[in-house]
Amino acid sequence: MNQVTIIGRITKELELRQVGGDKTLLTFSIAYNDSYGDNEHTSFFDITAWGRQAEVIAQYFKKGQRIAVVGRLKQDRYEAKDGSGMRSRVNIVLREFSFIEPKGYTAAASEGVPPSEAPMQQQEANNPPLMDDDEVPF
């Protein structure tokens, strides 16, 4: 079995490309923070997405947003440009992804910048007011 699941933040703006004339390709990286005790370590993972999934991710995600990815590990081997031998790199080929943050979320909001009021007004319109326990009819 070859499956990996990671939740991380997108590290750069997404770029969608057409390959072979009719295939859509999206490559992006995510950062995953791992901490134990007072130690914190950030790992970076390259992700490759194809087709409709690539298009949806490029449309709805931005740099700084969190995303959950499920995929398989793929090792690429290549000759070093300077001729010093073989190199390898491992990336994640996307099978599935999930939204982690609510609709209308921006990366700036997580950095202490107040969000615009429009998304909040939309959210309030979609959510009915909360009721006190005394108002519940049972």
C-alpha atoms as a PDB file:
ATOM      1  CA  MET A   1       0.000   0.000   0.000  1.00  0.00           C
ATOM      2  CA  ASN A   2       1.298   3.443  -0.910  1.00  0.00           C
ATOM      3  CA  GLN A   3      -0.835   6.205   0.618  1.00  0.00           C
ATOM      4  CA  VAL A   4      -0.049   9.406   2.446  1.00  0.00           C
ATOM      5  CA  THR A   5      -2.381  11.949   4.070  1.00  0.00           C
ATOM      6  CA  ILE A   6      -1.124  15.408   5.013  1.00  0.00           C
ATOM      7  CA  ILE A   7      -2.736  18.680   6.070  1.00  0.00           C
ATOM      8  CA  GLY A   8      -0.590  21.716   5.370  1.00  0.00           C
ATOM      9  CA  ARG A   9      -0.473  25.280   4.096  1.00  0.00           C
ATOM     10  CA  ILE A  10       0.067  26.084   0.433  1.00  0.00           C
ATOM     11  CA  THR A  11       3.465  27.777   0.168  1.00  0.00           C
ATOM     12  CA  LYS A  12       3.206  29.711  -3.122  1.00  0.00           C
ATOM     13  CA  GLU A  13       0.682  30.930  -5.684  1.00  0.00           C
ATOM     14  CA  LEU A  14      -0.764  28.113  -7.770  1.00  0.00           C
ATOM     15  CA  GLU A  15      -0.044  27.803 -11.487  1.00  0.00           C
ATOM     16  CA  LEU A  16      -2.110  25.649 -13.776  1.00  0.00           C
ATOM     17  CA  ARG A  17      -0.470  24.324 -16.964  1.00  0.00           C
ATOM     18  CA  GLN A  18      -1.595  22.429 -20.013  1.00  0.00           C
ATOM     19  CA  VAL A  19       0.615  19.452 -20.880  1.00  0.00           C
ATOM     20  CA  GLY A  20       0.450  17.389 -24.018  1.00  0.00           C
ATOM     21  CA  GLY A  21      -2.239  19.669 -25.404  1.00  0.00           C
ATOM     22  CA  ASP A  22      -5.187  18.300 -23.441  1.00  0.00           C
ATOM     23  CA  LYS A  23      -3.980  17.432 -19.919  1.00  0.00           C
ATOM     24  CA  THR A  24      -4.208  19.888 -17.032  1.00  0.00           C
ATOM     25  CA  LEU A  25      -1.364  19.829 -14.500  1.00  0.00           C
ATOM     26  CA  LEU A  26      -0.993  21.656 -11.201  1.00  0.00           C
ATOM     27  CA  THR A  27       2.143  21.445  -9.102  1.00  0.00           C
ATOM     28  CA  PHE A  28       2.294  23.087  -5.710  1.00  0.00           C
ATOM     29  CA  SER A  29       3.956  22.706  -2.338  1.00  0.00           C
ATOM     30  CA  ILE A  30       2.557  22.524   1.146  1.00  0.00           C
ATOM     31  CA  ALA A  31       4.269  23.078   4.483  1.00  0.00           C
ATOM     32  CA  TYR A  32       3.548  20.841   7.456  1.00  0.00           C
ATOM     33  CA  ASN A  33       4.572  21.941  10.958  1.00  0.00           C
ATOM     34  CA  ASP A  34       5.500  19.205  13.394  1.00  0.00           C
ATOM     35  CA  SER A  35       6.295  19.995  17.003  1.00  0.00           C
ATOM     36  CA  TYR A  36       7.386  17.949  19.948  1.00  0.00           C
ATOM     37  CA  GLY A  37       8.163  19.643  23.233  1.00  0.00           C
ATOM     38  CA  ASP A  38       9.902  22.947  22.517  1.00  0.00           C
ATOM     39  CA  ASN A  39      11.114  21.749  19.126  1.00  0.00           C
ATOM     40  CA  GLU A  40       9.308  22.687  15.942  1.00  0.00           C
ATOM     41  CA  HIS A  41      10.143  21.387  12.487  1.00  0.00           C
ATOM     42  CA  THR A  42       8.600  22.357   9.154  1.00  0.00           C
ATOM     43  CA  SER A  43       8.568  19.886   6.268  1.00  0.00           C
ATOM     44  CA  PHE A  44       7.753  20.836   2.684  1.00  0.00           C
ATOM     45  CA  PHE A  45       6.022  18.467   0.277  1.00  0.00           C
ATOM     46  CA  ASP A  46       5.613  18.832  -3.487  1.00  0.00           C
ATOM     47  CA  ILE A  47       2.160  17.865  -4.767  1.00  0.00           C
ATOM     48  CA  THR A  48       1.137  16.991  -8.337  1.00  0.00           C
ATOM     49  CA  ALA A  49      -2.547  17.169  -9.323  1.00  0.00           C
ATOM     50  CA  TRP A  50      -4.087  16.344 -12.705  1.00  0.00           C
ATOM     51  CA  GLY A  51      -7.327  17.054 -14.568  1.00  0.00           C
ATOM     52  CA  ARG A  52     -10.436  18.374 -12.895  1.00  0.00           C
ATOM     53  CA  GLN A  53      -8.920  18.188  -9.404  1.00  0.00           C
ATOM     54  CA  ALA A  54      -6.068  20.437 -10.559  1.00  0.00           C
ATOM     55  CA  GLU A  55      -8.572  22.946 -11.966  1.00  0.00           C
ATOM     56  CA  VAL A  56     -10.689  23.017  -8.791  1.00  0.00           C
ATOM     57  CA  ILE A  57      -7.689  23.467  -6.503  1.00  0.00           C
ATOM     58  CA  ALA A  58      -6.340  26.295  -8.690  1.00  0.00           C
ATOM     59  CA  GLN A  59      -9.757  27.984  -8.642  1.00  0.00           C
ATOM     60  CA  TYR A  60     -10.549  27.778  -4.918  1.00  0.00           C
ATOM     61  CA  PHE A  61      -7.210  27.745  -3.091  1.00  0.00           C
ATOM     62  CA  LYS A  62      -4.597  30.449  -2.581  1.00  0.00           C
ATOM     63  CA  LYS A  63      -1.164  30.715  -1.023  1.00  0.00           C
ATOM     64  CA  GLY A  64      -1.364  30.402   2.769  1.00  0.00           C
ATOM     65  CA  GLN A  65      -4.585  28.372   2.882  1.00  0.00           C
ATOM     66  CA  ARG A  66      -4.688  24.961   4.486  1.00  0.00           C
ATOM     67  CA  ILE A  67      -5.521  21.909   2.407  1.00  0.00           C
ATOM     68  CA  ALA A  68      -5.779  18.210   3.175  1.00  0.00           C
ATOM     69  CA  VAL A  69      -4.232  15.970   0.546  1.00  0.00           C
ATOM     70  CA  VAL A  70      -4.371  12.221   0.104  1.00  0.00           C
ATOM     71  CA  GLY A  71      -2.124  10.677  -2.483  1.00  0.00           C
ATOM     72  CA  ARG A  72       0.649   8.266  -3.293  1.00  0.00           C
ATOM     73  CA  LEU A  73       4.371   8.805  -3.028  1.00  0.00           C
ATOM     74  CA  LYS A  74       6.265   8.837  -6.311  1.00  0.00           C
ATOM     75  CA  GLN A  75      10.041   8.857  -6.570  1.00  0.00           C
ATOM     76  CA  ASP A  76      11.604  10.504  -9.618  1.00  0.00           C
ATOM     77  CA  ARG A  77      15.237   9.763 -10.494  1.00  0.00           C
ATOM     78  CA  TYR A  78      17.296  11.966 -12.749  1.00  0.00           C
ATOM     79  CA  GLU A  79      20.884  12.759 -13.701  1.00  0.00           C
ATOM     80  CA  ALA A  80      22.313  15.824 -11.927  1.00  0.00           C
ATOM     81  CA  LYS A  81      22.853  18.798 -14.253  1.00  0.00           C
ATOM     82  CA  ASP A  82      26.524  18.960 -13.309  1.00  0.00           C
ATOM     83  CA  GLY A  83      26.986  15.279 -14.205  1.00  0.00           C
ATOM     84  CA  SER A  84      27.883  14.292 -10.646  1.00  0.00           C
ATOM     85  CA  GLY A  85      25.525  11.321 -10.551  1.00  0.00           C
ATOM     86  CA  MET A  86      21.941  10.330 -10.038  1.00  0.00           C
ATOM     87  CA  ARG A  87      19.559  12.315  -7.863  1.00  0.00           C
ATOM     88  CA  SER A  88      16.074  11.542  -6.658  1.00  0.00           C
ATOM     89  CA  ARG A  89      13.111  13.401  -5.280  1.00  0.00           C
ATOM     90  CA  VAL A  90       9.833  12.240  -3.833  1.00  0.00           C
ATOM     91  CA  ASN A  91       6.542  13.982  -4.488  1.00  0.00           C
ATOM     92  CA  ILE A  92       2.904  13.258  -3.727  1.00  0.00           C
ATOM     93  CA  VAL A  93       0.588  12.448  -6.629  1.00  0.00           C
ATOM     94  CA  LEU A  94      -2.841  13.669  -5.519  1.00  0.00           C
ATOM     95  CA  ARG A  95      -5.769  11.269  -5.310  1.00  0.00           C
ATOM     96  CA  GLU A  96      -8.121  13.356  -3.144  1.00  0.00           C
ATOM     97  CA  PHE A  97      -8.175  16.700  -1.394  1.00  0.00           C
ATOM     98  CA  SER A  98     -10.362  18.426   1.186  1.00  0.00           C
ATOM     99  CA  PHE A  99     -11.121  21.988   2.153  1.00  0.00           C
ATOM    100  CA  ILE A 100     -10.011  22.671   5.735  1.00  0.00           C
ATOM    101  CA  GLU A 101     -11.006  26.303   6.177  1.00  0.00           C
ATOM    102  CA  PRO A 102     -14.513  27.724   5.835  1.00  0.00           C
ATOM    103  CA  LYS A 103     -15.764  29.314   2.637  1.00  0.00           C
ATOM    104  CA  GLY A 104     -14.634  32.929   2.372  1.00  0.00           C
ATOM    105  CA  TYR A 105     -11.563  32.341   4.549  1.00  0.00           C
ATOM    106  CA  THR A 106      -8.428  34.216   3.575  1.00  0.00           C
ATOM    107  CA  ALA A 107      -4.871  33.588   4.688  1.00  0.00           C
ATOM    108  CA  ALA A 108      -4.695  37.204   5.900  1.00  0.00           C
ATOM    109  CA  ALA A 109      -7.407  36.443   8.459  1.00  0.00           C
ATOM    110  CA  SER A 110      -5.151  33.910  10.150  1.00  0.00           C
ATOM    111  CA  GLU A 111      -2.417  36.535  10.458  1.00  0.00           C
ATOM    112  CA  GLY A 112      -4.529  38.959  12.500  1.00  0.00           C
ATOM    113  CA  VAL A 113      -5.835  41.067   9.625  1.00  0.00           C
ATOM    114  CA  PRO A 114      -9.572  41.619  10.087  1.00  0.00           C
ATOM    115  CA  PRO A 115     -11.647  39.930   7.372  1.00  0.00           C
ATOM    116  CA  SER A 116     -13.968  42.004   5.229  1.00  0.00           C
ATOM    117  CA  GLU A 117     -17.514  42.309   6.498  1.00  0.00           C
ATOM    118  CA  ALA A 118     -19.126  40.920   3.346  1.00  0.00           C
ATOM    119  CA  PRO A 119     -18.245  37.257   4.028  1.00  0.00           C
ATOM    120  CA  MET A 120     -19.410  37.657   7.636  1.00  0.00           C
ATOM    121  CA  GLN A 121     -22.734  39.138   6.536  1.00  0.00           C
ATOM    122  CA  GLN A 122     -23.191  36.248   4.125  1.00  0.00           C
ATOM    123  CA  GLN A 123     -22.405  33.770   6.895  1.00  0.00           C
ATOM    124  CA  GLU A 124     -24.877  35.443   9.258  1.00  0.00           C
ATOM    125  CA  ALA A 125     -27.565  35.312   6.571  1.00  0.00           C
ATOM    126  CA  ASN A 126     -27.002  31.574   6.153  1.00  0.00           C
ATOM    127  CA  ASN A 127     -27.051  30.760   9.878  1.00  0.00           C
ATOM    128  CA  PRO A 128     -30.223  31.160  11.940  1.00  0.00           C
ATOM    129  CA  PRO A 129     -29.836  32.843  15.341  1.00  0.00           C
ATOM    130  CA  LEU A 130     -29.004  30.560  18.248  1.00  0.00           C
ATOM    131  CA  MET A 131     -31.780  29.773  20.747  1.00  0.00           C
ATOM    132  CA  ASP A 132     -31.470  29.668  24.517  1.00  0.00           C
ATOM    133  CA  ASP A 133     -32.165  26.319  26.166  1.00  0.00           C
ATOM    134  CA  ASP A 134     -35.239  27.930  27.774  1.00  0.00           C
ATOM    135  CA  GLU A 135     -36.740  28.507  24.318  1.00  0.00           C
ATOM    136  CA  VAL A 136     -36.449  24.869  23.192  1.00  0.00           C
ATOM    137  CA  PRO A 137     -39.992  23.379  23.139  1.00  0.00           C
ATOM    138  CA  PHE A 138     -39.074  20.025  24.759  1.00  0.00           C
END
